[in-house]
Amino acid sequence: MKEKLLELYGDEEFLLADGFDNAIIGFDEQSWRVIYSVRKCINILMDDMDEREAIEFFAFNVSSAYVGEKTPIWCYDLIF
């Protein structure tokens, strides 16, 4: 999805979350922010930690980080 996004809209400035390319599910055309699947992000993190650790890490180190107006959108498609 990252490659397609950059191919189609390469002139736009996107902020991408390191290590979560496979969790991209789209973008918001109003704000030009990338949208990530939280479920997929947690699954990516679970390659190196258990589910509880992955959820905590994501909450404290990823989704809570504000990095400006291009901060990614986190789609909570995972029911805890």
C-alpha atoms as a PDB file:
ATOM      1  CA  MET A   1       0.000   0.000   0.000  1.00  0.00           C
ATOM      2  CA  LYS A   2       2.865   2.393   0.762  1.00  0.00           C
ATOM      3  CA  GLU A   3       4.276   2.001  -2.733  1.00  0.00           C
ATOM      4  CA  LYS A   4       0.874   2.593  -4.339  1.00  0.00           C
ATOM      5  CA  LEU A   5       0.269   5.656  -2.180  1.00  0.00           C
ATOM      6  CA  LEU A   6       3.616   7.173  -3.136  1.00  0.00           C
ATOM      7  CA  GLU A   7       3.146   6.220  -6.789  1.00  0.00           C
ATOM      8  CA  LEU A   8      -0.256   7.915  -7.017  1.00  0.00           C
ATOM      9  CA  TYR A   9       0.379  10.895  -4.750  1.00  0.00           C
ATOM     10  CA  GLY A  10       4.163  11.225  -4.674  1.00  0.00           C
ATOM     11  CA  ASP A  11       3.998  15.005  -4.837  1.00  0.00           C
ATOM     12  CA  GLU A  12       2.162  15.154  -1.518  1.00  0.00           C
ATOM     13  CA  GLU A  13       3.990  15.108   1.791  1.00  0.00           C
ATOM     14  CA  PHE A  14       3.024  12.111   3.930  1.00  0.00           C
ATOM     15  CA  LEU A  15       4.253  11.249   7.385  1.00  0.00           C
ATOM     16  CA  LEU A  16       4.878   7.514   7.672  1.00  0.00           C
ATOM     17  CA  ALA A  17       5.281   5.504  10.878  1.00  0.00           C
ATOM     18  CA  ASP A  18       8.553   3.532  10.814  1.00  0.00           C
ATOM     19  CA  GLY A  19       8.087  -0.206  10.731  1.00  0.00           C
ATOM     20  CA  PHE A  20       4.363  -0.169   9.995  1.00  0.00           C
ATOM     21  CA  ASP A  21       4.266  -0.043   6.182  1.00  0.00           C
ATOM     22  CA  ASN A  22       2.225  -3.256   6.067  1.00  0.00           C
ATOM     23  CA  ALA A  23      -0.403  -1.696   8.353  1.00  0.00           C
ATOM     24  CA  ILE A  24      -1.300   1.166   5.977  1.00  0.00           C
ATOM     25  CA  ILE A  25      -4.945   0.903   4.924  1.00  0.00           C
ATOM     26  CA  GLY A  26      -5.421   4.248   3.194  1.00  0.00           C
ATOM     27  CA  PHE A  27      -5.235   8.001   3.595  1.00  0.00           C
ATOM     28  CA  ASP A  28      -7.505  10.917   4.387  1.00  0.00           C
ATOM     29  CA  GLU A  29      -7.785  13.114   1.307  1.00  0.00           C
ATOM     30  CA  GLN A  30      -8.911  16.125   3.370  1.00  0.00           C
ATOM     31  CA  SER A  31      -5.776  16.269   5.520  1.00  0.00           C
ATOM     32  CA  TRP A  32      -3.438  14.050   3.461  1.00  0.00           C
ATOM     33  CA  ARG A  33      -2.764  11.907   6.515  1.00  0.00           C
ATOM     34  CA  VAL A  34      -1.942   8.215   6.236  1.00  0.00           C
ATOM     35  CA  ILE A  35      -4.371   5.807   7.938  1.00  0.00           C
ATOM     36  CA  TYR A  36      -3.045   2.746   9.737  1.00  0.00           C
ATOM     37  CA  SER A  37      -4.882  -0.317  11.010  1.00  0.00           C
ATOM     38  CA  VAL A  38      -4.259  -0.650  14.747  1.00  0.00           C
ATOM     39  CA  ARG A  39      -4.958  -4.388  14.493  1.00  0.00           C
ATOM     40  CA  LYS A  40      -2.220  -4.748  11.872  1.00  0.00           C
ATOM     41  CA  CYS A  41       0.191  -2.582  13.890  1.00  0.00           C
ATOM     42  CA  ILE A  42      -0.341  -4.776  16.964  1.00  0.00           C
ATOM     43  CA  ASN A  43       0.261  -7.884  14.849  1.00  0.00           C
ATOM     44  CA  ILE A  44       3.511  -6.397  13.548  1.00  0.00           C
ATOM     45  CA  LEU A  45       4.658  -5.644  17.094  1.00  0.00           C
ATOM     46  CA  MET A  46       3.757  -9.182  18.175  1.00  0.00           C
ATOM     47  CA  ASP A  47       6.664 -10.460  16.063  1.00  0.00           C
ATOM     48  CA  ASP A  48       8.889  -9.278  18.940  1.00  0.00           C
ATOM     49  CA  MET A  49       6.594  -9.277  22.011  1.00  0.00           C
ATOM     50  CA  ASP A  50       3.440 -10.809  23.393  1.00  0.00           C
ATOM     51  CA  GLU A  51      -0.003  -9.281  22.782  1.00  0.00           C
ATOM     52  CA  ARG A  52      -0.213  -7.378  26.069  1.00  0.00           C
ATOM     53  CA  GLU A  53       3.240  -5.873  25.593  1.00  0.00           C
ATOM     54  CA  ALA A  54       2.426  -4.986  21.976  1.00  0.00           C
ATOM     55  CA  ILE A  55      -0.793  -3.203  22.960  1.00  0.00           C
ATOM     56  CA  GLU A  56       0.957  -1.263  25.736  1.00  0.00           C
ATOM     57  CA  PHE A  57       3.910  -0.360  23.521  1.00  0.00           C
ATOM     58  CA  PHE A  58       1.593   0.824  20.760  1.00  0.00           C
ATOM     59  CA  ALA A  59      -0.507   2.922  23.145  1.00  0.00           C
ATOM     60  CA  PHE A  60       2.411   4.631  24.877  1.00  0.00           C
ATOM     61  CA  ASN A  61       4.976   4.905  22.085  1.00  0.00           C
ATOM     62  CA  VAL A  62       3.106   5.014  18.796  1.00  0.00           C
ATOM     63  CA  SER A  63      -0.497   6.200  18.830  1.00  0.00           C
ATOM     64  CA  SER A  64       0.006   8.766  21.594  1.00  0.00           C
ATOM     65  CA  ALA A  65       2.801  10.545  19.717  1.00  0.00           C
ATOM     66  CA  TYR A  66       1.776  13.821  18.092  1.00  0.00           C
ATOM     67  CA  VAL A  67       4.247  14.846  15.398  1.00  0.00           C
ATOM     68  CA  GLY A  68       2.429  17.734  13.802  1.00  0.00           C
ATOM     69  CA  GLU A  69      -0.521  18.181  11.501  1.00  0.00           C
ATOM     70  CA  LYS A  70       0.518  15.191   9.381  1.00  0.00           C
ATOM     71  CA  THR A  71       0.391  12.798  12.359  1.00  0.00           C
ATOM     72  CA  PRO A  72      -1.020   9.506  11.066  1.00  0.00           C
ATOM     73  CA  ILE A  73      -4.596   8.450  11.752  1.00  0.00           C
ATOM     74  CA  TRP A  74      -4.945   5.239  13.769  1.00  0.00           C
ATOM     75  CA  CYS A  75      -8.000   3.201  12.799  1.00  0.00           C
ATOM     76  CA  TYR A  76      -9.028   1.177  15.855  1.00  0.00           C
ATOM     77  CA  ASP A  77     -10.286  -1.868  14.027  1.00  0.00           C
ATOM     78  CA  LEU A  78      -9.253  -4.103  16.934  1.00  0.00           C
ATOM     79  CA  ILE A  79     -11.582  -4.723  19.841  1.00  0.00           C
ATOM     80  CA  PHE A  80      -9.658  -5.165  23.058  1.00  0.00           C
END
